[in-house]
């Protein structure tokens, strides 16, 4: 199984080569747009998102009208096909509106035939001759992704995308490493870590009793940024515009770093309890449930889960989602399972049937983990003895509890969590 990491590298390109690279950007954009125009239809059932059909219909025209290599033409077609597929799914599966893809950015996709990696530079295919670009790597790479991936022979440099921002060229390189099959990925048994995400209070709560991140703080920082942005937009001067861009970049970097740290904590919690899988609520359902929440909160949920998937992959930990219906209302005690909306009152959960008292988000996280276990059993996934990881131990599909000694969660408040 291949583990993939993406690394951004700044490039030093001679000014004489800027024009040909910019022309390559433009012709690549035109090629993708031509394929998207052909595949688009106002009737979503008639949208053509098949790469082979788009290739047959547009390849010859694009080759005749541009100076792109064959590989770049095919990459542009694939970009268009993916965009058309996303539009089609958005309309037919999600019931939402979508307009024809419009390509405006500066990006070119490179593969093994259009880019050559060397020790200190790469060569890039363009609409004319190849262009040489030197890597700009920090002098001290200790503790950086460059040391972990770029300078590590275990990682192979694969496909990449070339971007241009503020007059500077950047290469986003896909780094790949083959991971040996380990016990976690082949076992017939599986321990699941349930994770509940929240728009306020703790950002993520796990079935092992770890309370991670602060959604209120994240929202406060966002509101603070929006307040400053509004004032600067009203000012309207060039200085205000430059300041607006600067604070926007700082907030974007800060929020992404914050979510990175929470995601890392989730994965570490899964590893600490020897979990083979991490379960979230299905993001589509979450978006519907918090439809009145800000788009930023919805983005944060999506970003956090994608970061967890990214970090968990290296350790062979599966990340899956489950339907969220009643996870906050159901009693997570295995001998009960009573479901009622009055079981939950804010952060407090007290089962009206058995009297079990838990932090409400912790209760939901346990139910989320339990729901993935049930899904495995129903689907015949070969995990007959799968378990849910709890703060106080493990409970298997037969509701048998096995306590563990010394297990601890990063609890944000006092919690005594008896067996499920």
Protein backbone atom coordinates (compact mmCIF):
# COMPACT_ATOMS: atom_id res chain seq x y z
CA UNK A 1 0.00 0.00 0.00
CA UNK A 2 1.38 3.41 -0.96
CA UNK A 3 1.46 6.29 1.50
CA UNK A 4 1.27 9.70 -0.20
CA UNK A 5 2.39 13.09 1.10
CA UNK A 6 2.33 16.43 -0.75
CA UNK A 7 5.26 18.82 -0.47
CA UNK A 8 5.43 22.40 -1.73
CA UNK A 9 8.76 23.59 -3.11
CA UNK A 10 9.55 27.13 -4.19
CA UNK A 11 11.31 27.36 -7.55
CA UNK A 12 13.93 29.72 -8.91
CA UNK A 13 13.18 30.26 -12.62
CA UNK A 14 15.14 32.58 -14.94
CA UNK A 15 13.09 35.59 -15.97
CA UNK A 16 13.63 34.65 -19.62
CA UNK A 17 11.56 31.50 -19.03
CA UNK A 18 8.61 33.23 -17.34
CA UNK A 19 6.80 34.01 -20.58
CA UNK A 20 6.87 30.42 -21.87
CA UNK A 21 5.69 29.06 -18.51
CA UNK A 22 2.88 31.60 -18.44
CA UNK A 23 1.89 30.59 -21.96
CA UNK A 24 1.86 26.94 -20.84
CA UNK A 25 -0.46 27.89 -17.99
CA UNK A 26 -2.82 29.61 -20.41
CA UNK A 27 -2.88 26.83 -23.00
CA UNK A 28 -3.40 24.22 -20.28
CA UNK A 29 -6.35 26.27 -19.00
CA UNK A 30 -7.78 26.50 -22.53
CA UNK A 31 -7.44 22.73 -23.00
CA UNK A 32 -9.28 21.99 -19.75
CA UNK A 33 -11.98 24.53 -20.59
CA UNK A 34 -12.48 23.07 -24.07
CA UNK A 35 -13.11 19.61 -22.57
CA UNK A 36 -15.42 21.04 -19.91
CA UNK A 37 -17.41 23.00 -22.51
CA UNK A 38 -17.91 19.84 -24.54
CA UNK A 39 -18.96 17.71 -21.58
CA UNK A 40 -21.34 20.22 -20.00
CA UNK A 41 -25.12 20.05 -20.32
CA UNK A 42 -27.93 21.89 -18.54
CA UNK A 43 -29.50 18.45 -18.15
CA UNK A 44 -27.31 16.83 -15.46
CA UNK A 45 -28.08 13.33 -16.72
CA UNK A 46 -26.44 14.32 -20.01
CA UNK A 47 -23.20 15.67 -18.54
CA UNK A 48 -20.27 13.78 -20.04
CA UNK A 49 -17.67 13.03 -17.36
CA UNK A 50 -16.11 9.96 -18.97
CA UNK A 51 -12.42 10.55 -19.63
CA UNK A 52 -12.43 8.27 -22.65
CA UNK A 53 -15.41 10.04 -24.25
CA UNK A 54 -13.93 13.46 -23.58
CA UNK A 55 -10.61 12.27 -24.99
CA UNK A 56 -12.16 11.00 -28.21
CA UNK A 57 -14.14 14.20 -28.69
CA UNK A 58 -11.55 16.84 -27.79
CA UNK A 59 -7.99 15.45 -28.05
CA UNK A 60 -7.40 16.14 -31.75
CA UNK A 61 -8.83 19.67 -31.57
CA UNK A 62 -6.71 20.61 -28.58
CA UNK A 63 -3.55 19.17 -30.11
CA UNK A 64 -4.20 21.14 -33.28
CA UNK A 65 -4.96 24.46 -31.54
CA UNK A 66 -2.28 24.38 -28.83
CA UNK A 67 1.41 23.58 -28.47
CA UNK A 68 0.89 21.36 -25.44
CA UNK A 69 2.49 17.92 -25.21
CA UNK A 70 0.20 14.90 -25.46
CA UNK A 71 0.59 14.26 -21.72
CA UNK A 72 -0.43 17.80 -20.86
CA UNK A 73 -3.50 17.53 -23.09
CA UNK A 74 -4.52 14.33 -21.33
CA UNK A 75 -3.91 15.88 -17.90
CA UNK A 76 -6.09 18.87 -18.81
CA UNK A 77 -8.84 16.52 -19.99
CA UNK A 78 -8.65 14.59 -16.69
CA UNK A 79 -8.94 17.86 -14.76
CA UNK A 80 -12.08 18.72 -16.71
CA UNK A 81 -13.55 15.22 -16.29
CA UNK A 82 -13.11 15.37 -12.50
CA UNK A 83 -14.73 18.81 -12.34
CA UNK A 84 -17.68 17.63 -14.45
CA UNK A 85 -18.10 14.55 -12.27
CA UNK A 86 -18.20 16.70 -9.13
CA UNK A 87 -20.86 18.94 -10.68
CA UNK A 88 -22.92 15.95 -11.75
CA UNK A 89 -22.76 14.38 -8.28
CA UNK A 90 -23.61 17.69 -6.61
CA UNK A 91 -26.79 17.99 -8.67
CA UNK A 92 -27.98 14.38 -8.87
CA UNK A 93 -26.86 13.03 -5.47
CA UNK A 94 -26.87 16.11 -3.23
CA UNK A 95 -29.78 17.92 -4.90
CA UNK A 96 -27.80 21.16 -5.12
CA UNK A 97 -27.14 23.59 -7.94
CA UNK A 98 -23.95 23.62 -9.98
CA UNK A 99 -22.72 25.65 -12.93
CA UNK A 100 -20.36 24.69 -15.70
CA UNK A 101 -16.73 24.49 -14.55
CA UNK A 102 -14.73 27.60 -15.39
CA UNK A 103 -10.94 27.34 -15.21
CA UNK A 104 -9.17 30.57 -14.33
CA UNK A 105 -6.21 29.62 -12.16
CA UNK A 106 -2.57 29.15 -13.05
CA UNK A 107 -1.83 25.44 -12.74
CA UNK A 108 -0.24 22.73 -14.90
CA UNK A 109 -0.11 19.03 -14.07
CA UNK A 110 3.17 17.14 -14.56
CA UNK A 111 3.88 13.42 -14.68
CA UNK A 112 6.95 11.25 -15.24
CA UNK A 113 7.17 12.23 -18.89
CA UNK A 114 6.76 15.97 -18.48
CA UNK A 115 8.99 16.57 -15.44
CA UNK A 116 12.48 15.31 -14.63
CA UNK A 117 13.76 15.56 -11.05
CA UNK A 118 17.46 16.15 -10.42
CA UNK A 119 19.41 16.75 -7.22
CA UNK A 120 19.13 20.53 -7.19
CA UNK A 121 16.74 21.29 -10.04
CA UNK A 122 14.00 19.92 -12.27
CA UNK A 123 13.19 20.34 -15.94
CA UNK A 124 9.64 21.08 -17.05
CA UNK A 125 7.92 20.52 -20.39
CA UNK A 126 6.33 23.65 -21.80
CA UNK A 127 4.73 24.81 -25.04
CA UNK A 128 8.29 25.27 -26.33
CA UNK A 129 11.59 23.88 -25.00
CA UNK A 130 12.02 22.44 -21.53
CA UNK A 131 12.58 24.93 -18.74
CA UNK A 132 15.06 24.42 -15.91
CA UNK A 133 13.94 25.40 -12.40
CA UNK A 134 16.17 25.25 -9.32
CA UNK A 135 14.75 24.19 -5.95
CA UNK A 136 14.72 26.73 -3.13
CA UNK A 137 15.13 24.58 -0.01
CA UNK A 138 15.76 25.91 3.53
CA UNK A 139 19.43 25.83 4.54
CA UNK A 140 18.50 24.02 7.74
CA UNK A 141 15.95 21.31 6.98
CA UNK A 142 16.07 19.62 10.40
CA UNK A 143 12.59 18.88 11.67
CA UNK A 144 10.94 20.05 8.44
CA UNK A 145 8.98 18.10 5.79
CA UNK A 146 12.02 18.49 3.54
CA UNK A 147 14.06 16.32 5.88
CA UNK A 148 11.23 13.84 6.41
CA UNK A 149 10.26 13.39 2.76
CA UNK A 150 12.39 15.27 0.20
CA UNK A 151 15.79 14.17 1.54
CA UNK A 152 14.61 10.68 2.54
CA UNK A 153 15.39 7.97 -0.02
CA UNK A 154 12.39 5.95 1.16
CA UNK A 155 10.10 8.52 -0.46
CA UNK A 156 9.75 8.65 -4.25
CA UNK A 157 9.02 11.88 -6.13
CA UNK A 158 5.95 11.38 -8.31
CA UNK A 159 3.39 13.52 -10.08
CA UNK A 160 3.30 17.24 -9.37
CA UNK A 161 1.47 20.46 -10.15
CA UNK A 162 3.07 23.77 -11.02
CA UNK A 163 1.51 26.92 -9.56
CA UNK A 164 2.23 30.64 -9.73
CA UNK A 165 1.48 33.05 -6.87
CA UNK A 166 2.50 36.69 -6.74
CA UNK A 167 5.00 36.19 -9.54
CA UNK A 168 6.70 33.18 -7.92
CA UNK A 169 6.53 29.57 -9.11
CA UNK A 170 5.83 26.67 -6.74
CA UNK A 171 5.89 22.94 -7.33
CA UNK A 172 3.53 20.71 -5.35
CA UNK A 173 5.17 17.29 -5.43
CA UNK A 174 3.45 14.03 -4.60
CA UNK A 175 5.84 12.00 -2.41
CA UNK A 176 5.11 8.27 -2.25
CA UNK A 177 6.36 5.45 -0.06
CA UNK A 178 5.31 1.82 -0.05
CA UNK A 179 4.15 0.79 3.39
CA UNK A 180 4.53 -2.87 4.32
CA UNK A 181 1.36 -4.66 5.28
CA UNK A 182 1.18 -4.72 9.04
CA UNK A 183 -0.95 -6.45 11.62
CA UNK A 184 -3.41 -3.59 11.85
CA UNK A 185 -4.25 -3.61 8.16
CA UNK A 186 -4.71 -7.37 7.83
CA UNK A 187 -6.23 -8.32 11.16
CA UNK A 188 -9.65 -9.89 11.37
CA UNK A 189 -10.14 -7.95 14.56
CA UNK A 190 -10.63 -4.22 14.79
CA UNK A 191 -10.68 -1.64 17.55
CA UNK A 192 -12.61 1.51 16.65
CA UNK A 193 -12.11 5.03 17.98
CA UNK A 194 -15.33 7.04 17.75
CA UNK A 195 -14.97 10.82 17.27
CA UNK A 196 -17.71 13.41 17.77
CA UNK A 197 -17.16 16.85 16.18
CA UNK A 198 -18.78 19.99 17.56
CA UNK A 199 -19.48 23.58 16.50
CA UNK A 200 -19.00 24.81 20.07
CA UNK A 201 -17.28 23.58 23.20
CA UNK A 202 -14.65 20.93 22.49
CA UNK A 203 -13.88 20.58 18.79
CA UNK A 204 -13.43 16.81 18.92
CA UNK A 205 -14.32 14.29 21.62
CA UNK A 206 -13.28 10.63 21.36
CA UNK A 207 -14.82 7.44 22.67
CA UNK A 208 -11.71 7.07 24.87
CA UNK A 209 -12.55 10.27 26.73
CA UNK A 210 -10.09 12.63 25.04
CA UNK A 211 -11.42 16.19 24.77
CA UNK A 212 -9.47 17.90 21.99
CA UNK A 213 -9.41 21.43 20.63
CA UNK A 214 -11.66 24.37 21.40
CA UNK A 215 -14.36 25.15 18.85
CA UNK A 216 -15.31 28.33 20.69
CA UNK A 217 -11.74 29.63 20.44
CA UNK A 218 -11.61 28.73 16.75
CA UNK A 219 -14.88 30.58 16.14
CA UNK A 220 -13.67 33.55 18.20
CA UNK A 221 -10.53 33.87 16.09
CA UNK A 222 -12.64 33.66 12.95
CA UNK A 223 -15.04 36.36 14.20
CA UNK A 224 -12.08 38.57 15.12
CA UNK A 225 -10.67 38.16 11.62
CA UNK A 226 -14.06 38.93 10.01
CA UNK A 227 -14.39 42.08 12.13
CA UNK A 228 -11.00 43.37 11.01
CA UNK A 229 -11.69 42.38 7.43
CA UNK A 230 -14.95 44.33 7.42
CA UNK A 231 -13.25 47.50 8.67
CA UNK A 232 -10.44 47.23 6.11
CA UNK A 233 -12.90 46.65 3.26
CA UNK A 234 -14.75 49.81 4.27
CA UNK A 235 -11.49 51.78 4.23
CA UNK A 236 -10.82 50.76 0.64
CA UNK A 237 -7.26 52.12 0.36
CA UNK A 238 -4.37 50.23 -1.22
CA UNK A 239 -2.70 50.00 2.18
CA UNK A 240 -5.89 48.51 3.63
CA UNK A 241 -6.02 46.03 0.75
CA UNK A 242 -2.45 44.88 1.43
CA UNK A 243 -3.17 44.60 5.14
CA UNK A 244 -6.33 42.62 4.40
CA UNK A 245 -4.37 40.11 2.34
CA UNK A 246 -1.74 39.82 5.05
CA UNK A 247 -4.16 39.14 7.90
CA UNK A 248 -6.12 36.75 5.67
CA UNK A 249 -2.98 34.71 5.02
CA UNK A 250 -2.07 34.73 8.71
CA UNK A 251 -5.53 33.55 9.78
CA UNK A 252 -5.60 30.86 7.10
CA UNK A 253 -2.19 29.54 8.20
CA UNK A 254 -3.14 29.73 11.88
CA UNK A 255 -6.47 27.91 11.51
CA UNK A 256 -4.97 25.19 9.35
CA UNK A 257 -2.12 24.67 11.84
CA UNK A 258 -4.65 24.51 14.68
CA UNK A 259 -6.63 21.81 12.89
CA UNK A 260 -3.39 19.95 12.09
CA UNK A 261 -2.61 19.74 15.80
CA UNK A 262 -6.11 18.50 16.69
CA UNK A 263 -5.95 15.92 13.89
CA UNK A 264 -2.56 14.72 15.15
CA UNK A 265 -4.00 14.37 18.65
CA UNK A 266 -6.87 12.24 17.30
CA UNK A 267 -4.46 9.92 15.48
CA UNK A 268 -2.19 9.68 18.54
CA UNK A 269 -5.23 8.75 20.63
CA UNK A 270 -6.07 5.99 18.14
CA UNK A 271 -2.51 4.69 18.24
CA UNK A 272 -2.38 4.89 22.05
CA UNK A 273 -5.37 2.56 22.24
CA UNK A 274 -4.22 0.28 19.38
CA UNK A 275 -7.19 1.21 17.21
CA UNK A 276 -7.48 -0.06 13.64
CA UNK A 277 -10.10 2.49 12.63
CA UNK A 278 -11.38 5.97 13.42
CA UNK A 279 -15.09 6.68 12.97
CA UNK A 280 -16.66 10.08 12.28
CA UNK A 281 -20.22 11.08 11.51
CA UNK A 282 -20.89 11.38 7.80
CA UNK A 283 -19.93 14.92 6.81
CA UNK A 284 -22.86 15.39 4.45
CA UNK A 285 -25.24 14.69 7.31
CA UNK A 286 -23.26 16.99 9.61
CA UNK A 287 -23.57 19.84 7.11
CA UNK A 288 -27.31 19.35 7.01
CA UNK A 289 -27.57 19.27 10.80
CA UNK A 290 -25.61 22.51 11.22
CA UNK A 291 -27.05 24.25 8.17
CA UNK A 292 -27.42 27.42 10.21
CA UNK A 293 -23.77 27.35 11.20
CA UNK A 294 -21.12 29.27 9.32
CA UNK A 295 -19.41 27.90 6.24
CA UNK A 296 -16.18 28.21 8.21
CA UNK A 297 -17.37 25.64 10.75
CA UNK A 298 -18.39 23.29 7.96
CA UNK A 299 -14.98 23.81 6.33
CA UNK A 300 -13.28 23.10 9.67
CA UNK A 301 -15.11 19.76 10.01
CA UNK A 302 -14.20 18.72 6.48
CA UNK A 303 -10.59 19.87 6.85
CA UNK A 304 -10.15 18.15 10.20
CA UNK A 305 -11.41 14.81 8.91
CA UNK A 306 -9.25 15.01 5.77
CA UNK A 307 -6.20 15.76 7.94
CA UNK A 308 -6.99 12.79 10.19
CA UNK A 309 -7.27 10.56 7.11
CA UNK A 310 -3.96 11.92 5.83
CA UNK A 311 -2.11 11.33 9.11
CA UNK A 312 -3.77 7.99 9.92
CA UNK A 313 -2.91 6.46 6.54
CA UNK A 314 0.78 6.13 7.39
CA UNK A 315 -0.06 3.91 10.36
CA UNK A 316 -2.54 1.73 8.50
CA UNK A 317 -5.49 3.15 10.44
CA UNK A 318 -8.75 3.22 8.50
CA UNK A 319 -10.92 6.35 8.67
CA UNK A 320 -14.61 5.78 7.97
CA UNK A 321 -17.88 7.57 8.56
CA UNK A 322 -21.29 6.51 9.81
CA UNK A 323 -24.81 7.88 9.72
CA UNK A 324 -25.29 10.27 12.63
CA UNK A 325 -28.97 9.73 13.35
CA UNK A 326 -29.63 9.71 17.11
CA UNK A 327 -25.97 9.38 18.16
CA UNK A 328 -26.53 12.28 20.56
CA UNK A 329 -29.85 10.91 21.88
CA UNK A 330 -29.01 7.23 22.29
CA UNK A 331 -27.67 5.82 25.54
CA UNK A 332 -24.24 4.35 24.76
CA UNK A 333 -24.42 1.81 27.58
CA UNK A 334 -24.45 -1.54 25.76
CA UNK A 335 -27.04 -3.02 28.10
CA UNK A 336 -29.44 -0.16 27.40
CA UNK A 337 -29.40 1.72 24.08
CA UNK A 338 -32.54 3.68 24.99
CA UNK A 339 -33.02 6.58 22.58
CA UNK A 340 -34.93 9.75 23.43
CA UNK A 341 -34.38 13.46 22.71
CA UNK A 342 -34.79 14.28 26.41
CA UNK A 343 -31.77 12.11 27.28
CA UNK A 344 -29.54 15.06 26.36
CA UNK A 345 -29.57 18.52 27.89
CA UNK A 346 -26.71 20.63 26.54
CA UNK A 347 -23.40 19.03 27.58
CA UNK A 348 -25.14 16.65 29.98
CA UNK A 349 -26.48 13.21 29.10
CA UNK A 350 -28.62 11.23 31.50
CA UNK A 351 -30.48 8.20 30.19
CA UNK A 352 -34.16 8.31 31.14
CA UNK A 353 -34.22 4.51 31.15
CA UNK A 354 -31.07 3.26 32.92
CA UNK A 355 -29.89 6.50 34.53
CA UNK A 356 -26.43 6.45 32.90
CA UNK A 357 -24.77 9.88 33.20
CA UNK A 358 -22.04 10.98 30.77
CA UNK A 359 -20.75 14.07 29.08
CA UNK A 360 -23.07 14.37 26.07
CA UNK A 361 -20.29 14.60 23.46
CA UNK A 362 -18.48 11.65 24.99
CA UNK A 363 -21.69 9.64 24.83
CA UNK A 364 -22.08 10.56 21.14
CA UNK A 365 -18.49 9.55 20.38
CA UNK A 366 -19.09 6.12 21.93
CA UNK A 367 -22.20 5.70 19.78
CA UNK A 368 -20.30 6.72 16.65
CA UNK A 369 -17.66 4.07 17.30
CA UNK A 370 -20.33 1.49 18.07
CA UNK A 371 -22.15 2.28 14.84
CA UNK A 372 -19.04 1.48 12.75
CA UNK A 373 -18.71 -1.84 14.59
CA UNK A 374 -22.33 -2.63 13.73
CA UNK A 375 -21.70 -1.68 10.10
CA UNK A 376 -18.71 -4.03 9.94
CA UNK A 377 -20.81 -6.89 11.30
CA UNK A 378 -23.69 -6.30 8.90
CA UNK A 379 -21.41 -5.97 5.88
CA UNK A 380 -19.46 -9.13 6.70
CA UNK A 381 -16.18 -7.24 6.73
CA UNK A 382 -14.38 -10.12 8.43
CA UNK A 383 -14.09 -8.44 11.83
CA UNK A 384 -16.21 -10.74 13.98
CA UNK A 385 -14.50 -9.62 17.18
CA UNK A 386 -14.33 -5.88 16.47
CA UNK A 387 -14.45 -3.56 19.46
CA UNK A 388 -15.07 0.03 20.48
CA UNK A 389 -12.21 1.74 22.31
CA UNK A 390 -13.36 3.38 25.55
CA UNK A 391 -11.64 5.41 28.22
CA UNK A 392 -11.88 2.45 30.56
CA UNK A 393 -11.26 -0.41 28.14
CA UNK A 394 -12.84 -2.16 25.17
CA UNK A 395 -16.29 -3.53 24.46
CA UNK A 396 -16.81 -6.09 21.70
CA UNK A 397 -19.75 -6.80 19.41
CA UNK A 398 -21.21 -9.17 21.99
CA UNK A 399 -21.29 -6.35 24.57
CA UNK A 400 -18.50 -8.02 26.54
CA UNK A 401 -16.32 -5.45 28.32
CA UNK A 402 -12.57 -5.84 28.78
CA UNK A 403 -11.05 -3.21 31.10
CA UNK A 404 -7.58 -1.84 30.51
CA UNK A 405 -5.27 -0.49 33.15
CA UNK A 406 -3.49 2.81 32.79
CA UNK A 407 -5.58 4.07 29.89
CA UNK A 408 -5.98 7.81 29.94
CA UNK A 409 -7.64 10.44 27.84
CA UNK A 410 -6.76 14.08 27.62
CA UNK A 411 -9.92 14.98 29.44
CA UNK A 412 -10.91 18.61 29.48
CA UNK A 413 -13.21 18.05 32.44
CA UNK A 414 -13.60 15.40 35.16
CA UNK A 415 -15.05 12.25 33.65
CA UNK A 416 -15.79 8.91 35.17
CA UNK A 417 -16.81 6.67 32.31
CA UNK A 418 -18.00 3.21 33.35
CA UNK A 419 -18.07 0.35 30.84
CA UNK A 420 -20.26 0.72 27.74
